[in-house]
Amino acid sequence: MPLALALIGVSLLAGMVGYHYFEGSGWIDAFDQAAMIIGGMGPYSEPKSDGGKLFAGFYALYSGLLLIGVAGLILAPLFHRLMHHFHLPDEEKPRGGASKPRRKM
């Protein structure tokens, strides 16, 4: 969970810097734009410059992948706990039931 929050925080900061640099937005407006995209709401206003449009597009793609990654980080322990609850193996064992005999040295 702390890793997920750190990723979101760093990504939000990177988005703010990008909007501040490419669009000339103030820090509050840059925060608003970056937070809206990370939250999946879409851009607050349409970018005006070509650099801003490219940044917004790549930032939106990155944010979508970040959402998938952070969801995996948060949900992985839950799924692991469910596997133990239902006594599912962590690793797949060879089929057939017979194990290979060990050689003596």
C-alpha atoms as a PDB file:
ATOM      1  CA  MET A   1       0.000   0.000   0.000  1.00  0.00           C
ATOM      2  CA  PRO A   2       2.767   2.547   0.760  1.00  0.00           C
ATOM      3  CA  LEU A   3       4.371   1.742  -2.600  1.00  0.00           C
ATOM      4  CA  ALA A   4       1.061   2.337  -4.380  1.00  0.00           C
ATOM      5  CA  LEU A   5       0.584   5.683  -2.637  1.00  0.00           C
ATOM      6  CA  ALA A   6       4.154   6.705  -3.466  1.00  0.00           C
ATOM      7  CA  LEU A   7       3.607   5.846  -7.147  1.00  0.00           C
ATOM      8  CA  ILE A   8       0.426   7.914  -7.234  1.00  0.00           C
ATOM      9  CA  GLY A   9       2.130  10.846  -5.493  1.00  0.00           C
ATOM     10  CA  VAL A  10       5.149  10.842  -7.805  1.00  0.00           C
ATOM     11  CA  SER A  11       2.881  10.528 -10.845  1.00  0.00           C
ATOM     12  CA  LEU A  12       0.734  13.416  -9.653  1.00  0.00           C
ATOM     13  CA  LEU A  13       3.822  15.563  -9.159  1.00  0.00           C
ATOM     14  CA  ALA A  14       5.130  14.631 -12.629  1.00  0.00           C
ATOM     15  CA  GLY A  15       1.772  15.579 -14.124  1.00  0.00           C
ATOM     16  CA  MET A  16       1.799  18.910 -12.333  1.00  0.00           C
ATOM     17  CA  VAL A  17       5.291  19.700 -13.591  1.00  0.00           C
ATOM     18  CA  GLY A  18       4.301  18.678 -17.134  1.00  0.00           C
ATOM     19  CA  TYR A  19       1.204  20.865 -17.196  1.00  0.00           C
ATOM     20  CA  HIS A  20       3.111  23.757 -15.642  1.00  0.00           C
ATOM     21  CA  TYR A  21       5.894  23.485 -18.246  1.00  0.00           C
ATOM     22  CA  PHE A  22       3.943  22.622 -21.409  1.00  0.00           C
ATOM     23  CA  GLU A  23       0.756  24.618 -20.831  1.00  0.00           C
ATOM     24  CA  GLY A  24       2.077  27.383 -18.614  1.00  0.00           C
ATOM     25  CA  SER A  25      -0.579  26.538 -16.022  1.00  0.00           C
ATOM     26  CA  GLY A  26      -0.319  27.788 -12.466  1.00  0.00           C
ATOM     27  CA  TRP A  27       0.441  25.157  -9.846  1.00  0.00           C
ATOM     28  CA  ILE A  28      -3.166  24.896  -8.663  1.00  0.00           C
ATOM     29  CA  ASP A  29      -4.473  24.503 -12.223  1.00  0.00           C
ATOM     30  CA  ALA A  30      -1.697  21.994 -12.968  1.00  0.00           C
ATOM     31  CA  PHE A  31      -2.692  20.003  -9.878  1.00  0.00           C
ATOM     32  CA  ASP A  32      -6.321  20.066 -10.992  1.00  0.00           C
ATOM     33  CA  GLN A  33      -5.486  18.840 -14.506  1.00  0.00           C
ATOM     34  CA  ALA A  34      -3.160  16.072 -13.299  1.00  0.00           C
ATOM     35  CA  ALA A  35      -5.541  14.911 -10.565  1.00  0.00           C
ATOM     36  CA  MET A  36      -8.462  14.723 -12.992  1.00  0.00           C
ATOM     37  CA  ILE A  37      -6.493  12.544 -15.410  1.00  0.00           C
ATOM     38  CA  ILE A  38      -5.075  10.251 -12.699  1.00  0.00           C
ATOM     39  CA  GLY A  39      -8.565   9.907 -11.220  1.00  0.00           C
ATOM     40  CA  GLY A  40      -9.897   8.773 -14.594  1.00  0.00           C
ATOM     41  CA  MET A  41     -12.200  11.758 -15.062  1.00  0.00           C
ATOM     42  CA  GLY A  42     -10.431  13.080 -18.149  1.00  0.00           C
ATOM     43  CA  PRO A  43      -8.887  16.472 -18.711  1.00  0.00           C
ATOM     44  CA  TYR A  44     -10.404  19.480 -16.964  1.00  0.00           C
ATOM     45  CA  SER A  45      -9.832  21.712 -19.984  1.00  0.00           C
ATOM     46  CA  GLU A  46      -8.478  21.087 -23.444  1.00  0.00           C
ATOM     47  CA  PRO A  47      -4.743  21.742 -23.884  1.00  0.00           C
ATOM     48  CA  LYS A  48      -3.933  24.724 -26.083  1.00  0.00           C
ATOM     49  CA  SER A  49      -0.377  24.035 -27.304  1.00  0.00           C
ATOM     50  CA  ASP A  50       0.866  21.097 -29.364  1.00  0.00           C
ATOM     51  CA  GLY A  51       3.329  20.171 -26.613  1.00  0.00           C
ATOM     52  CA  GLY A  52       0.523  20.277 -24.069  1.00  0.00           C
ATOM     53  CA  LYS A  53      -1.644  18.029 -26.241  1.00  0.00           C
ATOM     54  CA  LEU A  54       1.156  15.488 -26.630  1.00  0.00           C
ATOM     55  CA  PHE A  55       1.916  15.594 -22.923  1.00  0.00           C
ATOM     56  CA  ALA A  56      -1.757  15.191 -22.004  1.00  0.00           C
ATOM     57  CA  GLY A  57      -2.100  12.187 -24.325  1.00  0.00           C
ATOM     58  CA  PHE A  58       0.976  10.388 -23.028  1.00  0.00           C
ATOM     59  CA  TYR A  59       0.124  11.284 -19.433  1.00  0.00           C
ATOM     60  CA  ALA A  60      -3.377   9.857 -19.877  1.00  0.00           C
ATOM     61  CA  LEU A  61      -1.962   6.606 -21.309  1.00  0.00           C
ATOM     62  CA  TYR A  62       0.538   6.383 -18.455  1.00  0.00           C
ATOM     63  CA  SER A  63      -2.206   7.071 -15.902  1.00  0.00           C
ATOM     64  CA  GLY A  64      -4.365   4.273 -17.291  1.00  0.00           C
ATOM     65  CA  LEU A  65      -1.505   1.803 -16.966  1.00  0.00           C
ATOM     66  CA  LEU A  66      -0.718   3.180 -13.509  1.00  0.00           C
ATOM     67  CA  LEU A  67      -4.294   2.446 -12.455  1.00  0.00           C
ATOM     68  CA  ILE A  68      -3.922  -1.179 -13.523  1.00  0.00           C
ATOM     69  CA  GLY A  69      -0.565  -1.526 -11.757  1.00  0.00           C
ATOM     70  CA  VAL A  70      -1.686   0.092  -8.512  1.00  0.00           C
ATOM     71  CA  ALA A  71      -4.847  -2.011  -8.476  1.00  0.00           C
ATOM     72  CA  GLY A  72      -2.637  -5.097  -8.825  1.00  0.00           C
ATOM     73  CA  LEU A  73      -0.410  -3.965  -5.958  1.00  0.00           C
ATOM     74  CA  ILE A  74      -3.393  -3.359  -3.706  1.00  0.00           C
ATOM     75  CA  LEU A  75      -5.371  -6.485  -4.644  1.00  0.00           C
ATOM     76  CA  ALA A  76      -2.501  -9.029  -4.777  1.00  0.00           C
ATOM     77  CA  PRO A  77      -2.406  -9.637  -0.992  1.00  0.00           C
ATOM     78  CA  LEU A  78      -6.188 -10.071  -0.970  1.00  0.00           C
ATOM     79  CA  PHE A  79      -6.078 -12.708  -3.707  1.00  0.00           C
ATOM     80  CA  HIS A  80      -3.166 -14.427  -1.964  1.00  0.00           C
ATOM     81  CA  ARG A  81      -5.195 -14.574   1.250  1.00  0.00           C
ATOM     82  CA  LEU A  82      -8.179 -16.010  -0.652  1.00  0.00           C
ATOM     83  CA  MET A  83      -5.955 -18.701  -2.147  1.00  0.00           C
ATOM     84  CA  HIS A  84      -4.895 -19.745   1.347  1.00  0.00           C
ATOM     85  CA  HIS A  85      -8.481 -19.611   2.601  1.00  0.00           C
ATOM     86  CA  PHE A  86      -9.623 -22.051  -0.079  1.00  0.00           C
ATOM     87  CA  HIS A  87      -6.436 -24.166   0.312  1.00  0.00           C
ATOM     88  CA  LEU A  88      -5.285 -23.524  -3.240  1.00  0.00           C
ATOM     89  CA  PRO A  89      -1.596 -24.250  -3.888  1.00  0.00           C
ATOM     90  CA  ASP A  90       0.807 -21.358  -4.468  1.00  0.00           C
ATOM     91  CA  GLU A  91       2.672 -23.359  -7.116  1.00  0.00           C
ATOM     92  CA  GLU A  92       1.511 -25.981  -9.542  1.00  0.00           C
ATOM     93  CA  LYS A  93       2.694 -29.496  -8.686  1.00  0.00           C
ATOM     94  CA  PRO A  94       3.508 -32.076 -11.370  1.00  0.00           C
ATOM     95  CA  ARG A  95       0.572 -34.259 -12.394  1.00  0.00           C
ATOM     96  CA  GLY A  96       0.429 -37.993 -12.128  1.00  0.00           C
ATOM     97  CA  GLY A  97       1.020 -38.314  -8.419  1.00  0.00           C
ATOM     98  CA  ALA A  98       4.321 -40.133  -8.804  1.00  0.00           C
ATOM     99  CA  SER A  99       7.379 -38.148  -7.942  1.00  0.00           C
ATOM    100  CA  LYS A 100      10.793 -38.734  -9.441  1.00  0.00           C
ATOM    101  CA  PRO A 101      13.053 -40.862  -7.262  1.00  0.00           C
ATOM    102  CA  ARG A 102      16.086 -39.094  -5.858  1.00  0.00           C
ATOM    103  CA  ARG A 103      19.524 -40.353  -6.680  1.00  0.00           C
ATOM    104  CA  LYS A 104      21.797 -41.293  -3.814  1.00  0.00           C
ATOM    105  CA  MET A 105      25.303 -39.956  -3.948  1.00  0.00           C
END
